[in-house]
Amino acid sequence: MTDTSASLIARDAAVFLSQDLSSPCTSSVRCVEGIWIEDHAGRRFMDFHGNSVHHLGYAHPRILAALRAQIDDLTFAPRRFACEAATELAEELARITPGDLGRSLFLPSGSDAVETALRLARAVTGRWKTVSFWGSYHGSGFGAAAVGGDPAWRNRATGPLPTGAEHVAQYDCAACPFNHPGPAACGLACARAITDILRREGDVAAVVAEPMRSWPLIPPAGFWAEVRRACDETGTLLIFDEIPTGVGKTGRMFASAHEGVVPDILVLGKALGGAVLPLAAVIARRDLDRAAPWSIGHFTHEKNPVTARVGLEVLRVIADEGLAERAAELGARTLERLQSMEGRQTGLRHARGRGLLLGIEVTDAAGRPDPARAERIRKASLEAGLNFKLSNGATITLSPPLVIDWSDLDRALSILEAAAGACQP
């Protein structure tokens, strides 16, 4: 570690509030570009984490050009004033989202967007209960943390969360103890935990979930179609949180497209800001625009032309460069490589993914999840120039930018394979 890096880390620790998963910092960053992070010692890392913001990589030239042009043109618009950039972004989202999703609100973070979606669901249904998954993360606000099932945000330190949030176990076909006669039966069985609550309670405002768990975990065939039927039957809204999975990452513009299911409310964030600015969106069915008498999501930067222009350019770049289709192609090749790594000798198993959101489990000699070994593999990979996230204890989650070259992707997979081989179970 250089003197510059050590000094910056020390200064950081002296002025930021400490919290789990954010502090203390272990390194410093000097610059980011494309798929790369560079620290003050000149070490470069392929970033397969990126907090899900870097679908276009870092410092994409079209994003920076759009940002500079908008700053020269118009830097701010109060929310009671219409502005061209924000209106264009809302129109584009209405055009590319499925079904009749055509009414938007823009917000500074995904957590805020989830909170606003919950307020809208309560307002239009007159109900206040929700159903979501244990282990899920939907944001750090009190309402978002209540529907989330991540224990990191459900702790005694912050006290009780808002009530009315029901939780069910997440689907996991790899760990399922039942011998279902085919994928359709598996989907129906896994969905029953949700559908039974909706039919029994009869007053649930919304089901809130990622259409595909972002660490990642793919739902069984027919799962969301069955939940959609139960929502329609009981008057429950379906809210899909596509903050980590949307905007082309899974090989489709929206992960829900793989399921053939249209939500009532779609939430986007992270990558929508182009790895430059914080931006999230709530897009609802047009007929749900019934909350005018109430405040459901007032934000000072609700129609900020600079953030909106960046979001609009993100969508245009993905369309112009065919990045969702590219993610599907590269993801299929990557999944084949990950599957070839599986086995008792490597201790890697259950490779899966869609597009460029992939994962593989790290296990011990007995085939059980091994978080300690997963951390050793992560550190060895980082030393070799590859940064990725560990999820759910022992899941290596790989989320490279959609603009990555296959040569870099192939090299990253070789680093991972070598690290796994060096850190034997």
Protein backbone atom coordinates (compact mmCIF):
# COMPACT_ATOMS: atom_id res chain seq x y z
CA MET A 1 0.00 0.00 0.00
CA THR A 2 1.40 3.42 -0.98
CA ASP A 3 1.69 6.36 1.40
CA THR A 4 -1.01 8.16 -0.61
CA SER A 5 -3.40 5.23 -0.28
CA ALA A 6 -2.71 4.70 3.44
CA SER A 7 -3.17 8.41 4.14
CA LEU A 8 -6.46 8.56 2.23
CA ILE A 9 -7.82 5.47 3.99
CA ALA A 10 -6.92 6.98 7.38
CA ARG A 11 -8.59 10.29 6.49
CA ASP A 12 -11.67 8.40 5.28
CA ALA A 13 -11.90 6.47 8.56
CA ALA A 14 -11.66 9.72 10.54
CA VAL A 15 -14.68 11.42 8.93
CA PHE A 16 -17.20 8.77 7.80
CA LEU A 17 -19.71 7.01 10.02
CA SER A 18 -18.79 3.35 10.42
CA GLN A 19 -21.15 0.60 9.34
CA ASP A 20 -21.10 -3.03 8.26
CA LEU A 21 -20.09 -3.73 4.63
CA SER A 22 -18.79 -0.16 4.09
CA SER A 23 -16.03 0.41 6.60
CA PRO A 24 -13.19 0.28 7.14
CA CYS A 25 -11.98 0.79 3.58
CA THR A 26 -9.26 -1.67 2.56
CA SER A 27 -7.96 0.21 -0.47
CA SER A 28 -8.31 3.48 -2.33
CA VAL A 29 -9.27 4.25 -5.91
CA ARG A 30 -7.40 6.63 -8.21
CA CYS A 31 -9.40 6.22 -11.42
CA VAL A 32 -12.02 4.06 -13.12
CA GLU A 33 -12.48 3.44 -16.84
CA GLY A 34 -14.27 0.74 -18.80
CA ILE A 35 -14.11 -2.51 -16.80
CA TRP A 36 -11.16 -1.29 -14.73
CA ILE A 37 -10.52 0.10 -11.26
CA GLU A 38 -7.04 1.48 -10.62
CA ASP A 39 -5.65 2.18 -7.16
CA HIS A 40 -2.96 4.65 -6.07
CA ALA A 41 -0.26 2.00 -6.42
CA GLY A 42 -1.14 1.60 -10.09
CA ARG A 43 -2.71 -1.84 -9.62
CA ARG A 44 -5.61 -2.51 -11.98
CA PHE A 45 -8.60 -4.72 -11.25
CA MET A 46 -11.30 -6.00 -13.56
CA ASP A 47 -14.45 -5.01 -11.70
CA PHE A 48 -17.06 -7.77 -11.74
CA HIS A 49 -18.88 -6.19 -8.77
CA GLY A 50 -19.50 -2.51 -9.39
CA ASN A 51 -22.48 -2.46 -7.02
CA SER A 52 -24.51 -3.22 -10.18
CA VAL A 53 -24.08 0.34 -11.52
CA HIS A 54 -21.51 -0.26 -14.27
CA HIS A 55 -23.48 -2.02 -16.99
CA LEU A 56 -21.82 0.33 -19.51
CA GLY A 57 -18.50 0.21 -17.71
CA TYR A 58 -16.99 3.28 -16.09
CA ALA A 59 -16.67 6.67 -17.80
CA HIS A 60 -18.47 5.62 -20.98
CA PRO A 61 -17.70 8.41 -23.49
CA ARG A 62 -21.33 8.83 -24.60
CA ILE A 63 -22.53 9.13 -21.00
CA LEU A 64 -19.88 11.74 -20.19
CA ALA A 65 -20.66 13.68 -23.38
CA ALA A 66 -24.40 13.71 -22.58
CA LEU A 67 -23.62 14.84 -19.04
CA ARG A 68 -21.42 17.73 -20.19
CA ALA A 69 -23.92 18.87 -22.82
CA GLN A 70 -26.80 18.88 -20.33
CA ILE A 71 -24.78 20.83 -17.75
CA ASP A 72 -24.15 23.48 -20.39
CA ASP A 73 -27.85 23.58 -21.30
CA LEU A 74 -29.91 23.23 -18.08
CA THR A 75 -28.68 22.13 -14.66
CA PHE A 76 -31.84 21.98 -12.56
CA ALA A 77 -35.63 22.01 -12.74
CA PRO A 78 -37.94 22.26 -9.71
CA ARG A 79 -40.38 19.37 -9.68
CA ARG A 80 -43.38 21.62 -10.48
CA PHE A 81 -41.69 22.64 -13.75
CA ALA A 82 -41.65 20.31 -16.75
CA CYS A 83 -38.24 19.87 -18.39
CA GLU A 84 -37.32 18.23 -21.68
CA ALA A 85 -34.81 15.67 -20.35
CA ALA A 86 -37.02 14.28 -17.59
CA THR A 87 -40.06 14.09 -19.88
CA GLU A 88 -38.03 12.34 -22.58
CA LEU A 89 -36.77 9.75 -20.09
CA ALA A 90 -40.29 9.04 -18.81
CA GLU A 91 -41.53 8.70 -22.39
CA GLU A 92 -38.73 6.30 -23.26
CA LEU A 93 -39.40 4.15 -20.20
CA ALA A 94 -43.08 4.02 -21.14
CA ARG A 95 -42.05 2.88 -24.62
CA ILE A 96 -39.65 0.08 -23.62
CA THR A 97 -41.33 -1.35 -20.52
CA PRO A 98 -43.82 -4.21 -20.99
CA GLY A 99 -47.60 -4.06 -20.81
CA ASP A 100 -49.19 -0.77 -19.84
CA LEU A 101 -46.39 0.47 -17.58
CA GLY A 102 -46.47 4.12 -18.48
CA ARG A 103 -46.41 6.39 -15.41
CA SER A 104 -43.05 7.20 -13.80
CA LEU A 105 -41.46 8.93 -10.86
CA PHE A 106 -37.71 9.55 -10.63
CA LEU A 107 -35.81 9.31 -7.36
CA PRO A 108 -32.23 9.56 -6.13
CA SER A 109 -31.88 5.94 -4.94
CA GLY A 110 -33.34 2.47 -5.32
CA SER A 111 -34.29 2.42 -1.65
CA ASP A 112 -36.36 5.58 -2.17
CA ALA A 113 -37.94 4.01 -5.25
CA VAL A 114 -39.02 0.91 -3.32
CA GLU A 115 -40.49 3.10 -0.58
CA THR A 116 -42.45 5.07 -3.19
CA ALA A 117 -43.70 1.89 -4.86
CA LEU A 118 -44.95 0.69 -1.46
CA ARG A 119 -46.72 3.99 -0.82
CA LEU A 120 -48.39 3.81 -4.21
CA ALA A 121 -49.49 0.20 -3.63
CA ARG A 122 -51.00 1.14 -0.28
CA ALA A 123 -52.74 4.19 -1.71
CA VAL A 124 -54.41 2.45 -4.66
CA THR A 125 -55.34 -0.82 -2.89
CA GLY A 126 -56.31 0.57 0.52
CA ARG A 127 -54.25 -2.27 2.04
CA TRP A 128 -50.93 -2.27 3.85
CA LYS A 129 -49.56 -5.84 4.00
CA THR A 130 -46.77 -7.16 1.77
CA VAL A 131 -45.23 -10.53 0.91
CA SER A 132 -41.54 -10.88 0.07
CA PHE A 133 -38.61 -13.28 0.44
CA TRP A 134 -36.41 -13.96 3.41
CA GLY A 135 -32.83 -13.06 2.51
CA SER A 136 -33.89 -10.36 0.07
CA TYR A 137 -32.61 -6.80 -0.02
CA HIS A 138 -34.79 -3.93 -1.24
CA GLY A 139 -33.11 -0.91 0.35
CA SER A 140 -32.07 0.63 3.64
CA GLY A 141 -35.09 2.82 4.44
CA PHE A 142 -37.39 1.56 7.16
CA GLY A 143 -40.14 0.55 4.75
CA ALA A 144 -37.73 -1.03 2.27
CA ALA A 145 -35.90 -2.86 5.08
CA ALA A 146 -39.22 -4.15 6.42
CA VAL A 147 -40.12 -5.86 3.14
CA GLY A 148 -36.51 -6.98 2.72
CA GLY A 149 -35.43 -10.13 4.49
CA ASP A 150 -31.71 -9.45 4.87
CA PRO A 151 -30.66 -9.88 8.52
CA ALA A 152 -28.07 -7.10 8.13
CA TRP A 153 -30.96 -4.62 8.03
CA ARG A 154 -33.20 -6.38 10.54
CA ASN A 155 -31.32 -5.94 13.80
CA ARG A 156 -31.89 -4.89 17.38
CA ALA A 157 -29.71 -1.79 16.99
CA THR A 158 -32.28 0.01 14.83
CA GLY A 159 -35.36 -1.29 16.66
CA PRO A 160 -38.66 -2.52 15.24
CA LEU A 161 -39.50 -2.13 11.56
CA PRO A 162 -42.95 -1.27 10.15
CA THR A 163 -45.41 -4.12 10.53
CA GLY A 164 -47.45 -5.97 7.92
CA ALA A 165 -44.53 -7.54 6.03
CA GLU A 166 -44.94 -11.29 5.55
CA HIS A 167 -41.92 -13.30 4.39
CA VAL A 168 -41.52 -16.67 2.70
CA ALA A 169 -38.49 -18.85 1.98
CA GLN A 170 -36.90 -18.15 -1.37
CA TYR A 171 -37.09 -20.75 -4.11
CA ASP A 172 -33.91 -22.75 -4.59
CA CYS A 173 -34.28 -25.72 -6.92
CA ALA A 174 -30.69 -26.86 -6.29
CA ALA A 175 -31.46 -27.32 -2.59
CA CYS A 176 -35.06 -28.53 -3.00
CA PRO A 177 -35.67 -31.80 -1.06
CA PHE A 178 -38.73 -32.71 -3.16
CA ASN A 179 -38.71 -34.81 -6.30
CA HIS A 180 -41.12 -32.78 -8.42
CA PRO A 181 -42.30 -34.47 -11.64
CA GLY A 182 -40.91 -31.80 -13.98
CA PRO A 183 -40.16 -28.07 -13.86
CA ALA A 184 -43.80 -26.97 -14.16
CA ALA A 185 -44.73 -28.88 -11.02
CA CYS A 186 -41.69 -27.43 -9.25
CA GLY A 187 -42.75 -23.90 -10.14
CA LEU A 188 -46.27 -24.46 -8.82
CA ALA A 189 -44.96 -25.97 -5.58
CA CYS A 190 -42.47 -23.18 -4.92
CA ALA A 191 -45.08 -20.51 -5.67
CA ARG A 192 -47.54 -22.02 -3.20
CA ALA A 193 -45.85 -20.36 -0.22
CA ILE A 194 -46.83 -16.99 -1.72
CA THR A 195 -50.16 -17.88 -3.28
CA ASP A 196 -51.45 -19.48 -0.09
CA ILE A 197 -50.80 -16.27 1.87
CA LEU A 198 -52.50 -14.11 -0.75
CA ARG A 199 -55.60 -16.31 -0.81
CA ARG A 200 -55.73 -16.80 2.95
CA GLU A 201 -55.17 -13.19 3.96
CA GLY A 202 -57.12 -11.53 1.15
CA ASP A 203 -55.83 -8.06 2.05
CA VAL A 204 -52.22 -7.99 0.86
CA ALA A 205 -51.32 -4.81 -0.99
CA ALA A 206 -48.32 -6.15 -2.91
CA VAL A 207 -45.86 -8.94 -3.52
CA VAL A 208 -42.38 -7.35 -3.66
CA ALA A 209 -39.50 -9.30 -5.19
CA GLU A 210 -36.70 -9.44 -7.71
CA PRO A 211 -37.94 -11.48 -10.68
CA MET A 212 -34.59 -13.28 -10.48
CA ARG A 213 -32.56 -13.17 -7.28
CA SER A 214 -29.46 -11.09 -7.95
CA TRP A 215 -26.87 -13.34 -6.32
CA PRO A 216 -28.09 -14.99 -8.71
CA LEU A 217 -30.93 -17.51 -8.31
CA ILE A 218 -33.23 -18.35 -11.20
CA PRO A 219 -36.88 -19.16 -10.41
CA PRO A 220 -38.34 -22.48 -11.53
CA ALA A 221 -40.41 -22.44 -14.71
CA GLY A 222 -43.94 -21.20 -14.12
CA PHE A 223 -43.20 -19.73 -10.69
CA TRP A 224 -43.99 -16.10 -11.47
CA ALA A 225 -46.87 -16.98 -13.79
CA GLU A 226 -48.55 -18.73 -10.86
CA VAL A 227 -47.88 -15.80 -8.51
CA ARG A 228 -49.24 -13.42 -11.18
CA ARG A 229 -52.48 -15.46 -11.35
CA ALA A 230 -52.85 -15.34 -7.57
CA CYS A 231 -52.21 -11.59 -7.52
CA ASP A 232 -54.91 -11.04 -10.16
CA GLU A 233 -57.32 -13.27 -8.28
CA THR A 234 -56.85 -11.48 -4.96
CA GLY A 235 -56.41 -7.88 -6.15
CA THR A 236 -52.76 -7.85 -5.06
CA LEU A 237 -50.18 -5.77 -6.91
CA LEU A 238 -46.95 -7.34 -8.16
CA ILE A 239 -43.88 -5.11 -7.67
CA PHE A 240 -40.72 -6.25 -9.42
CA ASP A 241 -37.51 -4.79 -8.02
CA GLU A 242 -35.19 -4.76 -11.05
CA ILE A 243 -32.64 -2.43 -9.50
CA PRO A 244 -29.80 -4.99 -9.88
CA THR A 245 -31.26 -7.16 -12.69
CA GLY A 246 -32.73 -4.65 -15.14
CA VAL A 247 -31.37 -2.50 -17.97
CA GLY A 248 -29.96 -5.34 -20.09
CA LYS A 249 -27.96 -7.24 -17.49
CA THR A 250 -29.64 -10.66 -17.92
CA GLY A 251 -29.70 -10.68 -21.72
CA ARG A 252 -33.09 -8.96 -21.89
CA MET A 253 -33.83 -5.33 -21.12
CA PHE A 254 -35.73 -6.53 -18.03
CA ALA A 255 -35.21 -9.82 -16.20
CA SER A 256 -38.99 -10.24 -15.90
CA ALA A 257 -39.12 -10.76 -19.68
CA HIS A 258 -37.57 -14.22 -19.16
CA GLU A 259 -40.68 -15.15 -17.15
CA GLY A 260 -43.24 -13.75 -19.58
CA VAL A 261 -44.84 -11.92 -16.64
CA VAL A 262 -45.65 -8.19 -16.49
CA PRO A 263 -45.60 -6.54 -13.06
CA ASP A 264 -47.96 -3.79 -11.94
CA ILE A 265 -45.04 -1.67 -10.77
CA LEU A 266 -41.41 -1.88 -11.95
CA VAL A 267 -38.52 -0.39 -9.97
CA LEU A 268 -35.18 0.48 -11.61
CA GLY A 269 -32.00 2.04 -10.26
CA LYS A 270 -28.22 1.61 -10.04
CA ALA A 271 -27.21 1.15 -13.72
CA LEU A 272 -29.81 3.71 -14.84
CA GLY A 273 -27.39 6.39 -13.60
CA GLY A 274 -24.59 5.20 -15.88
CA ALA A 275 -22.08 4.67 -13.03
CA VAL A 276 -21.94 8.48 -12.81
CA LEU A 277 -25.03 9.78 -10.98
CA PRO A 278 -27.59 8.33 -8.56
CA LEU A 279 -30.88 7.72 -10.36
CA ALA A 280 -33.82 5.37 -9.81
CA ALA A 281 -37.30 5.10 -11.25
CA VAL A 282 -40.73 3.74 -10.39
CA ILE A 283 -42.80 2.84 -13.46
CA ALA A 284 -46.43 1.90 -12.78
CA ARG A 285 -49.44 0.81 -14.80
CA ARG A 286 -51.26 3.82 -16.20
CA ASP A 287 -54.49 2.95 -14.39
CA LEU A 288 -52.65 3.05 -11.03
CA ASP A 289 -52.21 6.81 -11.41
CA ARG A 290 -54.77 7.40 -8.66
CA ALA A 291 -52.68 8.89 -5.86
CA ALA A 292 -52.96 12.56 -6.86
CA PRO A 293 -54.64 13.57 -3.55
CA TRP A 294 -51.63 12.28 -1.54
CA SER A 295 -47.86 12.69 -1.49
CA ILE A 296 -46.19 9.39 -2.34
CA GLY A 297 -42.68 10.44 -3.39
CA HIS A 298 -41.71 14.11 -3.34
CA PHE A 299 -38.01 14.50 -4.10
CA THR A 300 -36.12 17.72 -4.75
CA HIS A 301 -34.32 16.17 -7.73
CA GLU A 302 -37.42 14.38 -9.06
CA LYS A 303 -37.07 16.08 -12.47
CA ASN A 304 -33.38 16.89 -12.44
CA PRO A 305 -32.43 17.33 -16.11
CA VAL A 306 -28.82 16.23 -15.60
CA THR A 307 -29.61 12.87 -14.02
CA ALA A 308 -32.50 12.34 -16.45
CA ARG A 309 -30.28 13.04 -19.47
CA VAL A 310 -27.76 10.48 -18.22
CA GLY A 311 -30.52 7.89 -17.72
CA LEU A 312 -31.87 8.51 -21.21
CA GLU A 313 -28.40 8.13 -22.74
CA VAL A 314 -27.89 4.85 -20.84
CA LEU A 315 -31.01 3.41 -22.47
CA ARG A 316 -29.94 4.68 -25.89
CA VAL A 317 -26.45 3.21 -25.62
CA ILE A 318 -27.85 -0.20 -24.64
CA ALA A 319 -30.21 -0.13 -27.62
CA ASP A 320 -27.71 1.30 -30.14
CA GLU A 321 -24.91 -1.10 -29.20
CA GLY A 322 -27.14 -4.16 -28.76
CA LEU A 323 -25.78 -4.68 -25.26
CA ALA A 324 -28.65 -6.80 -23.92
CA GLU A 325 -28.20 -9.22 -26.81
CA ARG A 326 -24.44 -9.11 -26.29
CA ALA A 327 -24.94 -9.97 -22.61
CA ALA A 328 -26.97 -13.03 -23.62
CA GLU A 329 -24.24 -14.22 -26.00
CA LEU A 330 -21.30 -13.63 -23.66
CA GLY A 331 -23.27 -14.97 -20.71
CA ALA A 332 -23.91 -18.29 -22.44
CA ARG A 333 -20.18 -18.73 -23.12
CA THR A 334 -19.32 -17.73 -19.56
CA LEU A 335 -21.82 -20.17 -18.08
CA GLU A 336 -20.25 -22.99 -20.10
CA ARG A 337 -16.83 -22.10 -18.65
CA LEU A 338 -18.21 -21.98 -15.10
CA GLN A 339 -19.91 -25.35 -15.55
CA SER A 340 -16.63 -26.83 -16.74
CA MET A 341 -15.06 -25.73 -13.43
CA GLU A 342 -17.56 -27.66 -11.34
CA GLY A 343 -16.44 -30.81 -9.54
CA ARG A 344 -15.19 -32.40 -6.35
CA GLN A 345 -11.59 -31.37 -7.03
CA THR A 346 -12.37 -27.65 -7.39
CA GLY A 347 -15.13 -27.60 -4.76
CA LEU A 348 -17.23 -25.44 -7.09
CA ARG A 349 -20.84 -26.33 -7.82
CA HIS A 350 -24.22 -25.06 -9.00
CA ALA A 351 -23.04 -22.68 -11.72
CA ARG A 352 -25.99 -20.67 -13.00
CA GLY A 353 -26.97 -17.32 -14.39
CA ARG A 354 -28.62 -15.32 -17.11
CA GLY A 355 -26.77 -12.93 -19.35
CA LEU A 356 -23.87 -11.35 -17.49
CA LEU A 357 -25.19 -12.00 -14.01
CA LEU A 358 -23.75 -15.33 -12.95
CA GLY A 359 -22.81 -17.25 -9.85
CA ILE A 360 -21.14 -20.42 -8.62
CA GLU A 361 -21.06 -21.98 -5.14
CA VAL A 362 -17.90 -22.62 -3.12
CA THR A 363 -18.07 -25.82 -1.04
CA ASP A 364 -15.91 -27.85 1.31
CA ALA A 365 -14.84 -31.49 0.86
CA ALA A 366 -18.26 -32.65 2.02
CA GLY A 367 -20.07 -30.47 -0.51
CA ARG A 368 -21.33 -27.96 2.05
CA PRO A 369 -21.14 -24.16 1.54
CA ASP A 370 -17.71 -22.93 2.66
CA PRO A 371 -17.67 -19.14 3.30
CA ALA A 372 -14.11 -19.18 4.65
CA ARG A 373 -12.76 -20.82 1.49
CA ALA A 374 -14.88 -18.49 -0.66
CA GLU A 375 -13.20 -15.53 1.03
CA ARG A 376 -9.76 -17.01 0.34
CA ILE A 377 -10.67 -17.42 -3.32
CA ARG A 378 -11.93 -13.83 -3.43
CA LYS A 379 -8.70 -12.47 -1.95
CA ALA A 380 -6.53 -14.58 -4.27
CA SER A 381 -8.55 -13.38 -7.27
CA LEU A 382 -8.25 -9.77 -6.14
CA GLU A 383 -4.48 -10.11 -5.87
CA ALA A 384 -4.48 -11.40 -9.45
CA GLY A 385 -6.58 -8.49 -10.69
CA LEU A 386 -10.22 -9.61 -10.45
CA ASN A 387 -12.79 -8.01 -8.13
CA PHE A 388 -16.11 -9.75 -7.46
CA LYS A 389 -18.76 -10.02 -4.78
CA LEU A 390 -19.46 -12.87 -2.39
CA SER A 391 -23.18 -13.35 -1.80
CA ASN A 392 -25.17 -15.49 0.58
CA GLY A 393 -22.00 -16.59 2.35
CA ALA A 394 -20.30 -18.72 -0.27
CA THR A 395 -21.63 -17.70 -3.68
CA ILE A 396 -19.17 -16.12 -6.10
CA THR A 397 -21.28 -13.55 -7.95
CA LEU A 398 -19.91 -12.33 -11.27
CA SER A 399 -21.44 -9.18 -12.77
CA PRO A 400 -19.10 -7.80 -15.45
CA PRO A 401 -20.01 -4.76 -17.55
CA LEU A 402 -21.98 -5.46 -20.71
CA VAL A 403 -19.23 -3.80 -22.77
CA ILE A 404 -16.52 -6.27 -21.75
CA ASP A 405 -14.44 -7.98 -24.46
CA TRP A 406 -14.44 -11.77 -24.49
CA SER A 407 -10.65 -11.79 -24.12
CA ASP A 408 -10.92 -9.94 -20.79
CA LEU A 409 -13.84 -12.09 -19.68
CA ASP A 410 -11.92 -15.26 -20.54
CA ARG A 411 -8.88 -13.99 -18.62
CA ALA A 412 -11.05 -13.21 -15.59
CA LEU A 413 -12.45 -16.74 -15.62
CA SER A 414 -8.92 -18.14 -15.78
CA ILE A 415 -8.00 -16.05 -12.71
CA LEU A 416 -11.01 -17.43 -10.87
CA GLU A 417 -10.20 -21.00 -11.87
CA ALA A 418 -6.58 -20.66 -10.75
CA ALA A 419 -7.63 -19.12 -7.43
CA ALA A 420 -10.08 -21.95 -6.77
CA GLY A 421 -7.37 -24.48 -7.59
CA ALA A 422 -4.89 -22.81 -5.24
CA CYS A 423 -7.43 -22.68 -2.40
CA GLN A 424 -8.27 -26.39 -2.20
CA PRO A 425 -11.31 -27.60 -0.20
